[in-house]
Amino acid sequence: MAGIEHIMVEPDESGMRLDRWFKVHFPGLGFGQLQKLLRSGQVRVDGGRVKTDARVQPGQVVRIPPMDVDAKVVKGGPISGGDLKYSDDDELLTRMLLHEDEKVFVLNKPAGLAVQGGSGLHRHLDKMLEAWTSKKGEKPRLVHRLDRDTSGVLVVARTRGAAQKLTAAFRERDTKKTYWALVKGVPRKHEDKISTWLVKEATPDGDRMRVAKHGEDGADHAITYYRVLEMAAQSLAWLEMEPYTGRTHQLRVHALHMGHPIIGDPKYFEDDPNWDFPGGVQKRLHLHARHIDIPHPNGGRLRITAPLPPHMVQTWNLLGLDLSGVERDGK
């Protein structure tokens, strides 16, 4: 049991309800316990008494009395496969949380967690969000998707109105999504645009996208911009990829199309007897939704960056790729 603590509210916690703030920082503290601490004045904000529904603001200081509860949970931190298996939904969602306000949640989705249900799936994000249903009975709504094996930034609407505005922003392409990928080889052009038509086809291993001809039945136009951030010898390249359109598996197919498939891609990385998979690198998809810039339902823009998942951090460290300079640029 620790002594009295004073914790400053962080900028990304602006507008968070005090009870939710405690759920993030002290997941072992029950709601009834918190109410008792507030009524007795043991918990205070900037020295004053408050209620559970008070909204905290950046720079405010929360007084924490001695409590024998679980340690803090790190928001937005890396989550492993074991966490997906054993953590309860509320705890796991809280650990994914990068940003929260009255209209929006932004999560750092771990690789391996499906966004929506499907055959043989017992756990997926859409189902998990029921744990965050509001007192008015509103369940948070998905407004875009990430592949199951892709990690990173995922925006979730907290209200019907917010969902409509965010969905419109994606539909009207008033968003900028930035992904990081590690690919086989190094593209000849270090910065370029990929423009193709994509169509879905059924295969023995499930649905798969392929490059199609213009006018082919069911084909959709897909545009991706990319640039090389760094190379590991001439065998691997760290790419920044920006999809202008949002087609299924678009980045994965476009990487394959230019002859540089994404490392660890179970669908589109084809075995090459003349190329050795790097030792020590996990055979998991190395594609991460790094950053999003989207209009906020209340006005202005929401800009959020997600840290890399553990398997990609391991690879970056193994290859000696330098995150520091890029991270200083905010990407």
C-alpha atoms as a PDB file:
ATOM      1  CA  MET A   1       0.000   0.000   0.000  1.00  0.00           C
ATOM      2  CA  ALA A   2       1.506   3.302  -1.146  1.00  0.00           C
ATOM      3  CA  GLY A   3       1.302   6.687   0.560  1.00  0.00           C
ATOM      4  CA  ILE A   4      -0.538   9.754  -0.728  1.00  0.00           C
ATOM      5  CA  GLU A   5       0.050  10.419  -4.436  1.00  0.00           C
ATOM      6  CA  HIS A   6      -0.624  13.481  -6.550  1.00  0.00           C
ATOM      7  CA  ILE A   7      -1.148  12.705 -10.255  1.00  0.00           C
ATOM      8  CA  MET A   8      -1.392  15.373 -12.933  1.00  0.00           C
ATOM      9  CA  VAL A   9      -4.058  14.939 -15.624  1.00  0.00           C
ATOM     10  CA  GLU A  10      -2.456  14.418 -19.049  1.00  0.00           C
ATOM     11  CA  PRO A  11      -3.447  16.363 -22.208  1.00  0.00           C
ATOM     12  CA  ASP A  12      -5.040  13.294 -23.821  1.00  0.00           C
ATOM     13  CA  GLU A  13      -7.289  12.849 -20.760  1.00  0.00           C
ATOM     14  CA  SER A  14      -9.061  16.171 -21.355  1.00  0.00           C
ATOM     15  CA  GLY A  15     -12.780  15.950 -20.580  1.00  0.00           C
ATOM     16  CA  MET A  16     -12.602  12.423 -19.155  1.00  0.00           C
ATOM     17  CA  ARG A  17     -15.064  11.644 -16.372  1.00  0.00           C
ATOM     18  CA  LEU A  18     -13.344  11.223 -13.026  1.00  0.00           C
ATOM     19  CA  ASP A  19     -14.695   7.694 -12.522  1.00  0.00           C
ATOM     20  CA  ARG A  20     -13.336   6.685 -15.965  1.00  0.00           C
ATOM     21  CA  TRP A  21     -10.007   8.342 -15.124  1.00  0.00           C
ATOM     22  CA  PHE A  22      -9.781   6.169 -12.004  1.00  0.00           C
ATOM     23  CA  LYS A  23     -10.739   3.079 -14.009  1.00  0.00           C
ATOM     24  CA  VAL A  24      -7.783   3.773 -16.297  1.00  0.00           C
ATOM     25  CA  HIS A  25      -5.250   4.516 -13.558  1.00  0.00           C
ATOM     26  CA  PHE A  26      -6.525   2.201 -10.805  1.00  0.00           C
ATOM     27  CA  PRO A  27      -8.471  -0.681 -12.408  1.00  0.00           C
ATOM     28  CA  GLY A  28      -8.741  -2.502  -9.087  1.00  0.00           C
ATOM     29  CA  LEU A  29     -10.705   0.289  -7.405  1.00  0.00           C
ATOM     30  CA  GLY A  30     -14.453  -0.401  -7.321  1.00  0.00           C
ATOM     31  CA  PHE A  31     -17.022   2.307  -8.065  1.00  0.00           C
ATOM     32  CA  GLY A  32     -18.427   2.096  -4.521  1.00  0.00           C
ATOM     33  CA  GLN A  33     -14.944   2.489  -3.044  1.00  0.00           C
ATOM     34  CA  LEU A  34     -14.337   5.550  -5.185  1.00  0.00           C
ATOM     35  CA  GLN A  35     -17.615   7.155  -4.101  1.00  0.00           C
ATOM     36  CA  LYS A  36     -16.706   6.586  -0.454  1.00  0.00           C
ATOM     37  CA  LEU A  37     -13.288   8.212  -0.956  1.00  0.00           C
ATOM     38  CA  LEU A  38     -14.881  11.189  -2.708  1.00  0.00           C
ATOM     39  CA  ARG A  39     -17.599  11.668  -0.031  1.00  0.00           C
ATOM     40  CA  SER A  40     -14.975  11.647   2.721  1.00  0.00           C
ATOM     41  CA  GLY A  41     -12.783  14.125   0.833  1.00  0.00           C
ATOM     42  CA  GLN A  42      -9.844  11.734   0.574  1.00  0.00           C
ATOM     43  CA  VAL A  43      -9.840  12.090  -3.212  1.00  0.00           C
ATOM     44  CA  ARG A  44      -9.676  15.708  -4.390  1.00  0.00           C
ATOM     45  CA  VAL A  45      -8.991  17.547  -7.646  1.00  0.00           C
ATOM     46  CA  ASP A  46      -6.876  20.694  -7.341  1.00  0.00           C
ATOM     47  CA  GLY A  47      -7.558  20.568  -3.613  1.00  0.00           C
ATOM     48  CA  GLY A  48     -11.358  20.650  -3.947  1.00  0.00           C
ATOM     49  CA  ARG A  49     -14.078  18.070  -3.427  1.00  0.00           C
ATOM     50  CA  VAL A  50     -15.622  16.595  -6.591  1.00  0.00           C
ATOM     51  CA  LYS A  51     -18.146  13.969  -7.711  1.00  0.00           C
ATOM     52  CA  THR A  52     -17.665  10.901  -9.878  1.00  0.00           C
ATOM     53  CA  ASP A  53     -19.122  12.599 -12.972  1.00  0.00           C
ATOM     54  CA  ALA A  54     -16.748  15.587 -12.777  1.00  0.00           C
ATOM     55  CA  ARG A  55     -14.725  16.147 -15.963  1.00  0.00           C
ATOM     56  CA  VAL A  56     -10.978  16.414 -15.488  1.00  0.00           C
ATOM     57  CA  GLN A  57      -8.823  18.846 -17.468  1.00  0.00           C
ATOM     58  CA  PRO A  58      -5.116  18.779 -18.429  1.00  0.00           C
ATOM     59  CA  GLY A  59      -2.868  20.122 -15.691  1.00  0.00           C
ATOM     60  CA  GLN A  60      -5.282  19.422 -12.851  1.00  0.00           C
ATOM     61  CA  VAL A  61      -3.834  17.436  -9.955  1.00  0.00           C
ATOM     62  CA  VAL A  62      -5.723  14.487  -8.471  1.00  0.00           C
ATOM     63  CA  ARG A  63      -4.998  13.625  -4.823  1.00  0.00           C
ATOM     64  CA  ILE A  64      -4.821   9.841  -4.347  1.00  0.00           C
ATOM     65  CA  PRO A  65      -4.977   8.495  -0.754  1.00  0.00           C
ATOM     66  CA  PRO A  66      -3.291   5.224   0.250  1.00  0.00           C
ATOM     67  CA  MET A  67      -5.163   2.403  -1.494  1.00  0.00           C
ATOM     68  CA  ASP A  68      -4.542  -1.325  -1.608  1.00  0.00           C
ATOM     69  CA  VAL A  69      -5.588  -1.815  -5.234  1.00  0.00           C
ATOM     70  CA  ASP A  70      -4.147  -3.034  -8.531  1.00  0.00           C
ATOM     71  CA  ALA A  71      -1.254  -1.137 -10.067  1.00  0.00           C
ATOM     72  CA  LYS A  72      -1.879   1.384 -12.771  1.00  0.00           C
ATOM     73  CA  VAL A  73      -2.630   0.241 -16.299  1.00  0.00           C
ATOM     74  CA  VAL A  74      -0.578   1.873 -19.034  1.00  0.00           C
ATOM     75  CA  LYS A  75      -2.894   3.299 -21.670  1.00  0.00           C
ATOM     76  CA  GLY A  76      -2.172   2.582 -25.290  1.00  0.00           C
ATOM     77  CA  GLY A  77       0.691   0.277 -24.368  1.00  0.00           C
ATOM     78  CA  PRO A  78       1.706  -2.868 -26.240  1.00  0.00           C
ATOM     79  CA  ILE A  79      -0.588  -5.850 -25.772  1.00  0.00           C
ATOM     80  CA  SER A  80       0.496  -9.449 -26.276  1.00  0.00           C
ATOM     81  CA  GLY A  81      -1.443 -12.493 -27.431  1.00  0.00           C
ATOM     82  CA  GLY A  82      -1.641 -13.708 -23.843  1.00  0.00           C
ATOM     83  CA  ASP A  83      -3.437 -10.494 -22.872  1.00  0.00           C
ATOM     84  CA  LEU A  84      -6.052 -11.113 -25.569  1.00  0.00           C
ATOM     85  CA  LYS A  85      -6.693 -14.538 -24.134  1.00  0.00           C
ATOM     86  CA  TYR A  86      -6.927 -13.790 -20.441  1.00  0.00           C
ATOM     87  CA  SER A  87      -7.838 -10.121 -19.832  1.00  0.00           C
ATOM     88  CA  ASP A  88     -11.461  -9.072 -19.348  1.00  0.00           C
ATOM     89  CA  ASP A  89     -12.970  -6.777 -21.983  1.00  0.00           C
ATOM     90  CA  ASP A  90     -13.040  -3.583 -19.917  1.00  0.00           C
ATOM     91  CA  GLU A  91      -9.431  -3.969 -18.793  1.00  0.00           C
ATOM     92  CA  LEU A  92      -8.188  -4.796 -22.285  1.00  0.00           C
ATOM     93  CA  LEU A  93     -10.063  -1.894 -23.882  1.00  0.00           C
ATOM     94  CA  THR A  94      -8.671   0.435 -21.223  1.00  0.00           C
ATOM     95  CA  ARG A  95      -5.148  -0.700 -22.004  1.00  0.00           C
ATOM     96  CA  MET A  96      -5.768  -0.009 -25.702  1.00  0.00           C
ATOM     97  CA  LEU A  97      -7.071   3.496 -25.014  1.00  0.00           C
ATOM     98  CA  LEU A  98      -5.068   6.302 -26.643  1.00  0.00           C
ATOM     99  CA  HIS A  99      -7.649   9.091 -26.420  1.00  0.00           C
ATOM    100  CA  GLU A 100     -11.072   9.653 -24.879  1.00  0.00           C
ATOM    101  CA  ASP A 101     -13.524  12.553 -24.936  1.00  0.00           C
ATOM    102  CA  GLU A 102     -17.306  12.852 -24.861  1.00  0.00           C
ATOM    103  CA  LYS A 103     -17.648  11.894 -28.549  1.00  0.00           C
ATOM    104  CA  VAL A 104     -14.747   9.625 -29.416  1.00  0.00           C
ATOM    105  CA  PHE A 105     -12.580   6.757 -28.225  1.00  0.00           C
ATOM    106  CA  VAL A 106      -9.308   6.095 -30.062  1.00  0.00           C
ATOM    107  CA  LEU A 107      -7.739   2.673 -29.510  1.00  0.00           C
ATOM    108  CA  ASN A 108      -4.411   1.052 -30.329  1.00  0.00           C
ATOM    109  CA  LYS A 109      -5.736  -2.263 -31.647  1.00  0.00           C
ATOM    110  CA  PRO A 110      -3.340  -5.158 -31.071  1.00  0.00           C
ATOM    111  CA  ALA A 111      -2.347  -7.469 -33.909  1.00  0.00           C
ATOM    112  CA  GLY A 112      -4.421 -10.649 -33.839  1.00  0.00           C
ATOM    113  CA  LEU A 113      -7.655  -9.096 -32.552  1.00  0.00           C
ATOM    114  CA  ALA A 114     -10.493  -9.075 -35.099  1.00  0.00           C
ATOM    115  CA  VAL A 115     -12.533  -5.893 -35.371  1.00  0.00           C
ATOM    116  CA  GLN A 116     -15.770  -7.728 -36.171  1.00  0.00           C
ATOM    117  CA  GLY A 117     -17.048 -11.271 -35.753  1.00  0.00           C
ATOM    118  CA  GLY A 118     -16.655 -14.125 -38.199  1.00  0.00           C
ATOM    119  CA  SER A 119     -16.522 -17.879 -38.458  1.00  0.00           C
ATOM    120  CA  GLY A 120     -14.757 -19.405 -35.448  1.00  0.00           C
ATOM    121  CA  LEU A 121     -14.192 -16.057 -33.730  1.00  0.00           C
ATOM    122  CA  HIS A 122     -15.114 -16.003 -30.053  1.00  0.00           C
ATOM    123  CA  ARG A 123     -13.689 -12.561 -29.287  1.00  0.00           C
ATOM    124  CA  HIS A 124     -13.722  -9.442 -31.410  1.00  0.00           C
ATOM    125  CA  LEU A 125     -13.613  -5.716 -30.789  1.00  0.00           C
ATOM    126  CA  ASP A 126     -17.207  -4.957 -31.760  1.00  0.00           C
ATOM    127  CA  LYS A 127     -18.454  -7.410 -29.130  1.00  0.00           C
ATOM    128  CA  MET A 128     -15.967  -6.158 -26.537  1.00  0.00           C
ATOM    129  CA  LEU A 129     -17.268  -2.592 -26.895  1.00  0.00           C
ATOM    130  CA  GLU A 130     -20.489  -3.685 -25.178  1.00  0.00           C
ATOM    131  CA  ALA A 131     -18.468  -3.353 -21.947  1.00  0.00           C
ATOM    132  CA  TRP A 132     -18.422   0.404 -22.556  1.00  0.00           C
ATOM    133  CA  THR A 133     -22.143   0.866 -23.174  1.00  0.00           C
ATOM    134  CA  SER A 134     -23.179   4.228 -21.711  1.00  0.00           C
ATOM    135  CA  LYS A 135     -25.779   4.758 -18.987  1.00  0.00           C
ATOM    136  CA  LYS A 136     -28.144   5.825 -21.787  1.00  0.00           C
ATOM    137  CA  GLY A 137     -27.722   2.402 -23.371  1.00  0.00           C
ATOM    138  CA  GLU A 138     -25.539   3.585 -26.265  1.00  0.00           C
ATOM    139  CA  LYS A 139     -22.852   1.123 -27.274  1.00  0.00           C
ATOM    140  CA  PRO A 140     -19.746   2.662 -28.923  1.00  0.00           C
ATOM    141  CA  ARG A 141     -19.842   2.298 -32.705  1.00  0.00           C
ATOM    142  CA  LEU A 142     -17.123   1.264 -35.158  1.00  0.00           C
ATOM    143  CA  VAL A 143     -16.641   3.793 -37.970  1.00  0.00           C
ATOM    144  CA  HIS A 144     -13.796   2.092 -39.878  1.00  0.00           C
ATOM    145  CA  ARG A 145     -11.897  -1.202 -39.883  1.00  0.00           C
ATOM    146  CA  LEU A 146      -8.447  -2.729 -39.579  1.00  0.00           C
ATOM    147  CA  ASP A 147      -7.483  -6.226 -40.695  1.00  0.00           C
ATOM    148  CA  ARG A 148      -7.227  -8.759 -37.890  1.00  0.00           C
ATOM    149  CA  ASP A 149      -3.430  -9.004 -38.225  1.00  0.00           C
ATOM    150  CA  THR A 150      -2.922  -5.223 -38.583  1.00  0.00           C
ATOM    151  CA  SER A 151      -2.280  -3.238 -35.402  1.00  0.00           C
ATOM    152  CA  GLY A 152      -2.725   0.428 -34.644  1.00  0.00           C
ATOM    153  CA  VAL A 153      -5.062   3.414 -34.541  1.00  0.00           C
ATOM    154  CA  LEU A 154      -8.784   2.666 -34.556  1.00  0.00           C
ATOM    155  CA  VAL A 155     -11.401   5.397 -34.070  1.00  0.00           C
ATOM    156  CA  VAL A 156     -14.661   4.515 -32.283  1.00  0.00           C
ATOM    157  CA  ALA A 157     -17.701   6.806 -31.971  1.00  0.00           C
ATOM    158  CA  ARG A 158     -19.369   7.111 -28.580  1.00  0.00           C
ATOM    159  CA  THR A 159     -22.708   8.448 -29.900  1.00  0.00           C
ATOM    160  CA  ARG A 160     -24.925   8.015 -32.951  1.00  0.00           C
ATOM    161  CA  GLY A 161     -24.308  11.622 -34.040  1.00  0.00           C
ATOM    162  CA  ALA A 162     -20.537  11.257 -33.732  1.00  0.00           C
ATOM    163  CA  ALA A 163     -20.693   8.037 -35.764  1.00  0.00           C
ATOM    164  CA  GLN A 164     -22.525   9.798 -38.587  1.00  0.00           C
ATOM    165  CA  LYS A 165     -19.961  12.613 -38.772  1.00  0.00           C
ATOM    166  CA  LEU A 166     -16.944  10.312 -38.540  1.00  0.00           C
ATOM    167  CA  THR A 167     -18.344   7.907 -41.137  1.00  0.00           C
ATOM    168  CA  ALA A 168     -18.948  10.849 -43.470  1.00  0.00           C
ATOM    169  CA  ALA A 169     -15.329  11.972 -42.997  1.00  0.00           C
ATOM    170  CA  PHE A 170     -14.084   8.548 -44.105  1.00  0.00           C
ATOM    171  CA  ARG A 171     -16.552   8.401 -47.004  1.00  0.00           C
ATOM    172  CA  GLU A 172     -15.588  11.881 -48.213  1.00  0.00           C
ATOM    173  CA  ARG A 173     -11.860  11.105 -47.716  1.00  0.00           C
ATOM    174  CA  ASP A 174     -11.400  13.976 -45.305  1.00  0.00           C
ATOM    175  CA  THR A 175      -9.016  11.813 -43.287  1.00  0.00           C
ATOM    176  CA  LYS A 176      -5.317  11.073 -43.521  1.00  0.00           C
ATOM    177  CA  LYS A 177      -4.185   7.616 -42.427  1.00  0.00           C
ATOM    178  CA  THR A 178      -0.496   6.767 -42.152  1.00  0.00           C
ATOM    179  CA  TYR A 179       0.762   3.202 -41.879  1.00  0.00           C
ATOM    180  CA  TRP A 180       4.213   1.767 -41.228  1.00  0.00           C
ATOM    181  CA  ALA A 181       5.248  -1.435 -42.954  1.00  0.00           C
ATOM    182  CA  LEU A 182       8.370  -3.564 -43.286  1.00  0.00           C
ATOM    183  CA  VAL A 183       8.697  -5.036 -46.773  1.00  0.00           C
ATOM    184  CA  LYS A 184      10.906  -7.492 -48.608  1.00  0.00           C
ATOM    185  CA  GLY A 185      13.565  -5.733 -50.669  1.00  0.00           C
ATOM    186  CA  VAL A 186      13.814  -2.010 -51.413  1.00  0.00           C
ATOM    187  CA  PRO A 187      11.567  -0.274 -53.954  1.00  0.00           C
ATOM    188  CA  ARG A 188      13.477   1.249 -56.887  1.00  0.00           C
ATOM    189  CA  LYS A 189      11.605   4.512 -56.421  1.00  0.00           C
ATOM    190  CA  HIS A 190      11.913   5.689 -52.829  1.00  0.00           C
ATOM    191  CA  GLU A 191       8.678   7.679 -53.122  1.00  0.00           C
ATOM    192  CA  ASP A 192       5.790   6.967 -55.478  1.00  0.00           C
ATOM    193  CA  LYS A 193       2.068   6.505 -56.087  1.00  0.00           C
ATOM    194  CA  ILE A 194       0.462   3.122 -56.742  1.00  0.00           C
ATOM    195  CA  SER A 195      -2.794   3.156 -58.703  1.00  0.00           C
ATOM    196  CA  THR A 196      -4.573  -0.103 -59.623  1.00  0.00           C
ATOM    197  CA  TRP A 197      -7.956  -1.771 -59.743  1.00  0.00           C
ATOM    198  CA  LEU A 198      -8.646  -4.460 -57.122  1.00  0.00           C
ATOM    199  CA  VAL A 199     -11.147  -7.292 -57.115  1.00  0.00           C
ATOM    200  CA  LYS A 200     -12.000  -9.966 -54.542  1.00  0.00           C
ATOM    201  CA  GLU A 201     -11.773 -13.625 -55.482  1.00  0.00           C
ATOM    202  CA  ALA A 202     -12.444 -16.843 -53.575  1.00  0.00           C
ATOM    203  CA  THR A 203      -9.481 -19.185 -53.011  1.00  0.00           C
ATOM    204  CA  PRO A 204      -9.040 -22.441 -51.041  1.00  0.00           C
ATOM    205  CA  ASP A 205      -7.460 -20.301 -48.288  1.00  0.00           C
ATOM    206  CA  GLY A 206     -10.342 -17.838 -48.147  1.00  0.00           C
ATOM    207  CA  ASP A 207     -11.104 -14.569 -49.913  1.00  0.00           C
ATOM    208  CA  ARG A 208      -8.145 -12.810 -51.463  1.00  0.00           C
ATOM    209  CA  MET A 209      -7.759  -9.531 -53.325  1.00  0.00           C
ATOM    210  CA  ARG A 210      -5.913  -9.268 -56.641  1.00  0.00           C
ATOM    211  CA  VAL A 211      -5.002  -6.572 -59.109  1.00  0.00           C
ATOM    212  CA  ALA A 212      -7.622  -6.415 -61.854  1.00  0.00           C
ATOM    213  CA  LYS A 213      -8.123  -4.679 -65.191  1.00  0.00           C
ATOM    214  CA  HIS A 214     -10.114  -1.479 -65.485  1.00  0.00           C
ATOM    215  CA  GLY A 215     -13.720  -2.394 -66.184  1.00  0.00           C
ATOM    216  CA  GLU A 216     -13.474  -5.911 -64.753  1.00  0.00           C
ATOM    217  CA  ASP A 217     -16.660  -6.923 -62.959  1.00  0.00           C
ATOM    218  CA  GLY A 218     -16.543  -5.984 -59.265  1.00  0.00           C
ATOM    219  CA  ALA A 219     -13.205  -4.150 -59.506  1.00  0.00           C
ATOM    220  CA  ASP A 220     -12.635  -0.968 -57.448  1.00  0.00           C
ATOM    221  CA  HIS A 221     -10.000   1.705 -58.004  1.00  0.00           C
ATOM    222  CA  ALA A 222      -7.311   1.837 -55.293  1.00  0.00           C
ATOM    223  CA  ILE A 223      -4.624   4.488 -54.747  1.00  0.00           C
ATOM    224  CA  THR A 224      -1.718   4.341 -52.281  1.00  0.00           C
ATOM    225  CA  TYR A 225       1.193   6.723 -51.695  1.00  0.00           C
ATOM    226  CA  TYR A 226       4.399   5.453 -50.125  1.00  0.00           C
ATOM    227  CA  ARG A 227       7.926   6.522 -49.245  1.00  0.00           C
ATOM    228  CA  VAL A 228      10.959   4.667 -47.922  1.00  0.00           C
ATOM    229  CA  LEU A 229      11.910   5.802 -44.412  1.00  0.00           C
ATOM    230  CA  GLU A 230      14.938   3.534 -43.896  1.00  0.00           C
ATOM    231  CA  MET A 231      16.589   0.393 -45.272  1.00  0.00           C
ATOM    232  CA  ALA A 232      18.198  -2.639 -43.679  1.00  0.00           C
ATOM    233  CA  ALA A 233      21.006  -3.381 -46.161  1.00  0.00           C
ATOM    234  CA  GLN A 234      19.197  -4.031 -49.463  1.00  0.00           C
ATOM    235  CA  SER A 235      17.039  -6.841 -48.139  1.00  0.00           C
ATOM    236  CA  LEU A 236      14.316  -4.936 -46.231  1.00  0.00           C
ATOM    237  CA  ALA A 237      12.696  -1.510 -46.308  1.00  0.00           C
ATOM    238  CA  TRP A 238      10.676   0.422 -43.749  1.00  0.00           C
ATOM    239  CA  LEU A 239       7.847   2.132 -45.612  1.00  0.00           C
ATOM    240  CA  GLU A 240       5.413   4.864 -44.720  1.00  0.00           C
ATOM    241  CA  MET A 241       2.196   4.139 -46.628  1.00  0.00           C
ATOM    242  CA  GLU A 242      -0.839   6.406 -47.048  1.00  0.00           C
ATOM    243  CA  PRO A 243      -3.980   4.905 -48.592  1.00  0.00           C
ATOM    244  CA  TYR A 244      -6.060   7.490 -50.472  1.00  0.00           C
ATOM    245  CA  THR A 245      -8.806   4.902 -50.929  1.00  0.00           C
ATOM    246  CA  GLY A 246      -9.859   2.269 -48.397  1.00  0.00           C
ATOM    247  CA  ARG A 247     -10.147  -1.064 -50.189  1.00  0.00           C
ATOM    248  CA  THR A 248      -9.880  -4.455 -48.468  1.00  0.00           C
ATOM    249  CA  HIS A 249      -6.213  -5.485 -48.030  1.00  0.00           C
ATOM    250  CA  GLN A 250      -5.228  -2.505 -50.202  1.00  0.00           C
ATOM    251  CA  LEU A 251      -1.776  -1.848 -48.720  1.00  0.00           C
ATOM    252  CA  ARG A 252      -0.923  -5.539 -48.594  1.00  0.00           C
ATOM    253  CA  VAL A 253      -1.861  -6.113 -52.254  1.00  0.00           C
ATOM    254  CA  HIS A 254      -0.147  -2.924 -53.419  1.00  0.00           C
ATOM    255  CA  ALA A 255       3.063  -3.914 -51.629  1.00  0.00           C
ATOM    256  CA  LEU A 256       2.945  -7.294 -53.405  1.00  0.00           C
ATOM    257  CA  HIS A 257       2.079  -5.606 -56.720  1.00  0.00           C
ATOM    258  CA  MET A 258       5.276  -3.549 -56.695  1.00  0.00           C
ATOM    259  CA  GLY A 259       7.294  -6.653 -55.866  1.00  0.00           C
ATOM    260  CA  HIS A 260       7.879  -5.892 -52.191  1.00  0.00           C
ATOM    261  CA  PRO A 261       5.361  -7.826 -50.052  1.00  0.00           C
ATOM    262  CA  ILE A 262       4.962  -7.014 -46.368  1.00  0.00           C
ATOM    263  CA  ILE A 263       7.008  -9.210 -44.055  1.00  0.00           C
ATOM    264  CA  GLY A 264       4.975 -11.898 -42.280  1.00  0.00           C
ATOM    265  CA  ASP A 265       1.836 -11.436 -44.408  1.00  0.00           C
ATOM    266  CA  PRO A 266       0.022 -14.809 -44.244  1.00  0.00           C
ATOM    267  CA  LYS A 267      -1.948 -14.142 -47.466  1.00  0.00           C
ATOM    268  CA  TYR A 268       0.325 -12.167 -49.765  1.00  0.00           C
ATOM    269  CA  PHE A 269       3.915 -12.991 -48.828  1.00  0.00           C
ATOM    270  CA  GLU A 270       4.937 -15.716 -51.260  1.00  0.00           C
ATOM    271  CA  ASP A 271       7.822 -18.058 -50.459  1.00  0.00           C
ATOM    272  CA  ASP A 272      11.014 -17.401 -52.433  1.00  0.00           C
ATOM    273  CA  PRO A 273      13.724 -20.104 -52.357  1.00  0.00           C
ATOM    274  CA  ASN A 274      16.329 -17.444 -53.197  1.00  0.00           C
ATOM    275  CA  TRP A 275      15.432 -15.252 -50.211  1.00  0.00           C
ATOM    276  CA  ASP A 276      15.975 -16.071 -46.543  1.00  0.00           C
ATOM    277  CA  PHE A 277      13.502 -14.846 -43.941  1.00  0.00           C
ATOM    278  CA  PRO A 278      15.487 -12.729 -41.445  1.00  0.00           C
ATOM    279  CA  GLY A 279      16.516 -14.682 -38.365  1.00  0.00           C
ATOM    280  CA  GLY A 280      14.897 -13.505 -35.138  1.00  0.00           C
ATOM    281  CA  VAL A 281      11.997 -11.786 -36.938  1.00  0.00           C
ATOM    282  CA  GLN A 282       8.571 -13.146 -36.037  1.00  0.00           C
ATOM    283  CA  LYS A 283       6.468 -14.389 -38.948  1.00  0.00           C
ATOM    284  CA  ARG A 284       3.658 -11.972 -38.158  1.00  0.00           C
ATOM    285  CA  LEU A 285       2.273  -9.195 -40.322  1.00  0.00           C
ATOM    286  CA  HIS A 286       4.517  -6.120 -40.065  1.00  0.00           C
ATOM    287  CA  LEU A 287       1.826  -3.539 -40.837  1.00  0.00           C
ATOM    288  CA  HIS A 288       0.782  -0.904 -38.306  1.00  0.00           C
ATOM    289  CA  ALA A 289      -1.749   1.938 -38.515  1.00  0.00           C
ATOM    290  CA  ARG A 290       0.607   4.533 -37.088  1.00  0.00           C
ATOM    291  CA  HIS A 291      -1.284   7.837 -37.289  1.00  0.00           C
ATOM    292  CA  ILE A 292      -4.688   9.299 -38.108  1.00  0.00           C
ATOM    293  CA  ASP A 293      -5.765  12.863 -38.803  1.00  0.00           C
ATOM    294  CA  ILE A 294      -9.563  13.189 -38.875  1.00  0.00           C
ATOM    295  CA  PRO A 295     -12.171  15.928 -38.295  1.00  0.00           C
ATOM    296  CA  HIS A 296     -13.506  15.806 -34.728  1.00  0.00           C
ATOM    297  CA  PRO A 297     -17.326  15.679 -34.444  1.00  0.00           C
ATOM    298  CA  ASN A 298     -17.192  18.818 -32.267  1.00  0.00           C
ATOM    299  CA  GLY A 299     -14.973  20.722 -34.706  1.00  0.00           C
ATOM    300  CA  GLY A 300     -11.254  20.971 -35.250  1.00  0.00           C
ATOM    301  CA  ARG A 301      -9.167  17.916 -36.022  1.00  0.00           C
ATOM    302  CA  LEU A 302      -8.154  14.849 -34.034  1.00  0.00           C
ATOM    303  CA  ARG A 303      -4.561  13.724 -34.580  1.00  0.00           C
ATOM    304  CA  ILE A 304      -3.490  10.511 -32.841  1.00  0.00           C
ATOM    305  CA  THR A 305      -0.347   8.349 -33.078  1.00  0.00           C
ATOM    306  CA  ALA A 306      -0.090   4.730 -31.890  1.00  0.00           C
ATOM    307  CA  PRO A 307       3.113   3.058 -30.637  1.00  0.00           C
ATOM    308  CA  LEU A 308       4.346  -0.047 -32.462  1.00  0.00           C
ATOM    309  CA  PRO A 309       3.233  -3.541 -31.347  1.00  0.00           C
ATOM    310  CA  PRO A 310       5.775  -5.750 -29.540  1.00  0.00           C
ATOM    311  CA  HIS A 311       6.679  -7.934 -32.547  1.00  0.00           C
ATOM    312  CA  MET A 312       7.496  -4.867 -34.674  1.00  0.00           C
ATOM    313  CA  VAL A 313       9.499  -3.221 -31.866  1.00  0.00           C
ATOM    314  CA  GLN A 314      11.504  -6.450 -31.638  1.00  0.00           C
ATOM    315  CA  THR A 315      12.168  -6.372 -35.385  1.00  0.00           C
ATOM    316  CA  TRP A 316      13.128  -2.682 -35.432  1.00  0.00           C
ATOM    317  CA  ASN A 317      15.588  -3.290 -32.579  1.00  0.00           C
ATOM    318  CA  LEU A 318      16.999  -6.383 -34.267  1.00  0.00           C
ATOM    319  CA  LEU A 319      17.585  -4.552 -37.553  1.00  0.00           C
ATOM    320  CA  GLY A 320      18.855  -1.372 -35.901  1.00  0.00           C
ATOM    321  CA  LEU A 321      16.148   0.794 -37.490  1.00  0.00           C
ATOM    322  CA  ASP A 322      16.110   4.227 -35.847  1.00  0.00           C
ATOM    323  CA  LEU A 323      12.699   5.252 -34.494  1.00  0.00           C
ATOM    324  CA  SER A 324      13.928   8.362 -32.684  1.00  0.00           C
ATOM    325  CA  GLY A 325      14.189  10.780 -35.597  1.00  0.00           C
ATOM    326  CA  VAL A 326      10.834   9.827 -37.113  1.00  0.00           C
ATOM    327  CA  GLU A 327       9.079   9.928 -33.720  1.00  0.00           C
ATOM    328  CA  ARG A 328      10.387  13.452 -33.113  1.00  0.00           C
ATOM    329  CA  ASP A 329       8.560  14.478 -36.287  1.00  0.00           C
ATOM    330  CA  GLY A 330       5.284  13.318 -34.725  1.00  0.00           C
ATOM    331  CA  LYS A 331       4.787  10.320 -36.986  1.00  0.00           C
END
